[in-house]
């Protein structure tokens, strides 16, 4: 996926796969390497997990709805016809990725698995390198000052 040949970012791995891999790694580490349970009773843990998952889902679904409403596809390796700056995109330039990170955190809390929780920042760092940087470079090339102005006014994560 070369941007010289195609109007798109050079994202090679779907970002949700990176979060899923991080969750699986946390589960494997918990089971096979060294268990690190979260010291919180099950009831409050589940309530907290659901609250965090709801927030993550609101961000991700809100972003998907805006993409669909503007005729865009959420796949980052496809062309972007316009910069979405409304809805959840007023608060973060990457609401889907923030939503996925929150879902990973919710899963870690719900499972009582500290590994899954601790791997969330690493997953975000990998997503930043493998997806966000190429996306931002592409958007800057395509939209120029309009994207730079948006970048100045809205944070990358939160």
Protein backbone atom coordinates (compact mmCIF):
# COMPACT_ATOMS: atom_id res chain seq x y z
CA UNK A 1 0.00 0.00 0.00
CA UNK A 2 2.18 2.78 -1.31
CA UNK A 3 0.86 6.34 -1.09
CA UNK A 4 2.79 7.19 -4.25
CA UNK A 5 0.55 4.72 -6.10
CA UNK A 6 -2.62 5.22 -4.12
CA UNK A 7 -4.56 7.96 -2.32
CA UNK A 8 -4.32 6.42 1.15
CA UNK A 9 -2.21 6.00 4.27
CA UNK A 10 0.39 3.23 4.42
CA UNK A 11 -1.23 1.29 7.23
CA UNK A 12 -0.45 -2.42 6.84
CA UNK A 13 -2.05 -4.02 9.91
CA UNK A 14 -5.62 -3.20 10.96
CA UNK A 15 -5.31 -1.37 14.31
CA UNK A 16 -8.00 -3.51 16.00
CA UNK A 17 -5.74 -6.52 15.36
CA UNK A 18 -2.98 -4.80 17.35
CA UNK A 19 -5.29 -4.30 20.33
CA UNK A 20 -6.56 -7.88 20.11
CA UNK A 21 -2.98 -9.18 19.99
CA UNK A 22 -2.19 -7.16 23.10
CA UNK A 23 -5.21 -8.59 24.92
CA UNK A 24 -4.27 -12.14 23.93
CA UNK A 25 -0.66 -11.52 25.04
CA UNK A 26 -1.93 -10.30 28.42
CA UNK A 27 -4.11 -13.37 28.87
CA UNK A 28 -1.26 -15.70 27.91
CA UNK A 29 1.18 -13.92 30.25
CA UNK A 30 -1.36 -14.13 33.07
CA UNK A 31 -1.94 -17.86 32.53
CA UNK A 32 1.55 -19.07 31.61
CA UNK A 33 4.10 -16.57 32.89
CA UNK A 34 3.03 -14.86 36.05
CA UNK A 35 -0.56 -14.22 37.19
CA UNK A 36 -1.21 -10.60 38.12
CA UNK A 37 -4.79 -10.37 39.36
CA UNK A 38 -6.52 -7.06 40.02
CA UNK A 39 -7.25 -6.79 43.74
CA UNK A 40 -10.83 -5.63 43.43
CA UNK A 41 -13.95 -7.64 44.32
CA UNK A 42 -15.77 -9.12 41.35
CA UNK A 43 -18.92 -6.97 41.62
CA UNK A 44 -17.21 -3.56 41.57
CA UNK A 45 -14.74 -4.85 38.98
CA UNK A 46 -17.55 -5.82 36.62
CA UNK A 47 -19.37 -2.50 37.13
CA UNK A 48 -16.16 -0.55 36.44
CA UNK A 49 -15.41 -2.75 33.44
CA UNK A 50 -18.86 -2.12 31.95
CA UNK A 51 -18.56 1.64 32.51
CA UNK A 52 -15.18 1.80 30.76
CA UNK A 53 -16.43 -0.46 27.95
CA UNK A 54 -19.47 1.77 27.45
CA UNK A 55 -17.28 4.86 27.13
CA UNK A 56 -15.02 3.04 24.65
CA UNK A 57 -18.00 1.85 22.63
CA UNK A 58 -19.53 5.35 22.56
CA UNK A 59 -16.29 6.76 21.11
CA UNK A 60 -15.80 4.00 18.55
CA UNK A 61 -19.43 3.83 17.44
CA UNK A 62 -19.69 7.62 17.34
CA UNK A 63 -16.68 7.75 15.03
CA UNK A 64 -18.01 4.95 12.82
CA UNK A 65 -21.36 6.71 12.48
CA UNK A 66 -19.67 9.94 11.40
CA UNK A 67 -17.58 8.05 8.88
CA UNK A 68 -20.65 6.39 7.42
CA UNK A 69 -22.57 9.70 7.37
CA UNK A 70 -19.77 11.35 5.38
CA UNK A 71 -19.37 8.43 2.98
CA UNK A 72 -16.03 7.30 4.39
CA UNK A 73 -14.69 3.88 5.19
CA UNK A 74 -12.99 3.40 8.56
CA UNK A 75 -10.21 1.30 7.02
CA UNK A 76 -7.15 3.55 7.30
CA UNK A 77 -5.56 2.17 4.13
CA UNK A 78 -8.41 3.55 1.99
CA UNK A 79 -8.74 7.11 0.69
CA UNK A 80 -10.11 9.83 2.98
CA UNK A 81 -12.42 12.24 1.12
CA UNK A 82 -12.63 14.79 3.96
CA UNK A 83 -11.47 15.54 7.49
CA UNK A 84 -14.23 14.79 9.98
CA UNK A 85 -14.18 17.45 12.72
CA UNK A 86 -17.59 17.08 14.34
CA UNK A 87 -18.98 14.81 17.03
CA UNK A 88 -16.33 12.79 18.88
CA UNK A 89 -13.69 14.19 16.51
CA UNK A 90 -13.98 17.53 18.35
CA UNK A 91 -12.33 15.90 21.39
CA UNK A 92 -9.82 13.48 19.87
CA UNK A 93 -8.38 12.97 16.40
CA UNK A 94 -8.47 9.20 16.97
CA UNK A 95 -11.72 8.28 18.72
CA UNK A 96 -11.72 4.75 17.32
CA UNK A 97 -8.25 4.04 18.69
CA UNK A 98 -9.08 5.63 22.04
CA UNK A 99 -12.26 3.53 22.07
CA UNK A 100 -10.31 0.33 21.34
CA UNK A 101 -7.83 1.18 24.12
CA UNK A 102 -10.70 1.72 26.55
CA UNK A 103 -12.23 -1.59 25.48
CA UNK A 104 -8.89 -3.30 26.16
CA UNK A 105 -8.76 -1.68 29.59
CA UNK A 106 -12.35 -2.79 30.25
CA UNK A 107 -11.50 -6.36 29.29
CA UNK A 108 -8.50 -6.33 31.60
CA UNK A 109 -10.60 -5.02 34.48
CA UNK A 110 -13.43 -7.45 33.77
CA UNK A 111 -11.07 -10.43 33.64
CA UNK A 112 -9.20 -9.21 36.69
CA UNK A 113 -6.04 -9.38 34.58
CA UNK A 114 -3.49 -6.65 35.28
CA UNK A 115 -1.36 -7.77 32.32
CA UNK A 116 -4.09 -6.81 29.85
CA UNK A 117 -4.37 -3.43 31.57
CA UNK A 118 -0.61 -2.83 31.60
CA UNK A 119 -0.28 -3.75 27.92
CA UNK A 120 -2.84 -1.11 26.84
CA UNK A 121 -0.27 1.75 26.73
CA UNK A 122 2.07 -0.49 24.72
CA UNK A 123 -0.76 -1.26 22.29
CA UNK A 124 -1.41 2.48 21.94
CA UNK A 125 2.29 3.12 21.26
CA UNK A 126 2.34 0.43 18.57
CA UNK A 127 -0.84 1.84 17.01
CA UNK A 128 0.71 5.31 17.04
CA UNK A 129 3.79 4.06 15.18
CA UNK A 130 2.07 1.67 12.77
CA UNK A 131 -1.18 3.52 12.06
CA UNK A 132 -1.43 7.05 13.39
CA UNK A 133 1.91 8.34 12.04
CA UNK A 134 1.22 7.10 8.49
CA UNK A 135 -2.36 8.39 8.68
CA UNK A 136 -1.25 11.83 9.86
CA UNK A 137 1.44 12.05 7.16
CA UNK A 138 -1.14 11.11 4.52
CA UNK A 139 -3.74 13.59 5.82
CA UNK A 140 -1.17 16.38 5.94
CA UNK A 141 -0.09 15.66 2.34
CA UNK A 142 -3.68 15.51 1.15
CA UNK A 143 -5.31 18.34 3.10
CA UNK A 144 -2.34 20.60 3.95
CA UNK A 145 -3.16 23.60 6.14
CA UNK A 146 -6.71 22.43 6.84
CA UNK A 147 -5.34 19.32 8.53
CA UNK A 148 -2.57 21.26 10.30
CA UNK A 149 -5.19 23.63 11.75
CA UNK A 150 -7.25 20.65 12.92
CA UNK A 151 -4.12 19.09 14.47
CA UNK A 152 -3.46 22.30 16.38
CA UNK A 153 -6.98 22.45 17.78
CA UNK A 154 -7.66 18.78 18.68
CA UNK A 155 -5.41 16.39 20.58
CA UNK A 156 -4.20 13.13 19.06
CA UNK A 157 -5.49 10.97 21.93
CA UNK A 158 -7.34 12.90 24.64
